[in-house]
Amino acid sequence: MKNVDAKQRYPKEYTTWREDPANFKVNGIFPLLNLWGTAREAWREILLTPGEHFLVITHKSILRALICTALGLGPERFRAIDVNNGGISVFNFNKRGEAMLQSLNMTAHMYSDHVYQY
């Protein structure tokens, strides 16, 4: 469903999703809180897996949740991070599993002759 259609069909829910996503609920379920749980579990799995380099490819919402949870931000900060589909973000982790954001949303690879390729 396009944003314009959702806004017209579900104005209250749409406003909550856009302005207060942590309190957005559907059928009694808070999807963003579930997303935060998924992101935390993903980081646990990644950090417990042997190896030094990992590539994670995902969709925008879970990527936002991964970035926020790595930085210790709660679901109320969901819209504090914006990323492009195809953007590259890089984290380094110390031995305690604490994240350092090295690069956020690099998109130079998505341009050719100064034209955005998507």
Foldseek 3Di string as FASTA:
>chain_A
DDLVVCCVVPVVLSCCCVQFLQPRDDPNHNVLVVLLVVLVVVLVVVLPDDDQDDDDADDFQSVLSNVCVLQVHDSRCSVVAGEDRVFDWDWHADPVRRIDTDDGHHQPVQDDPNHGHD
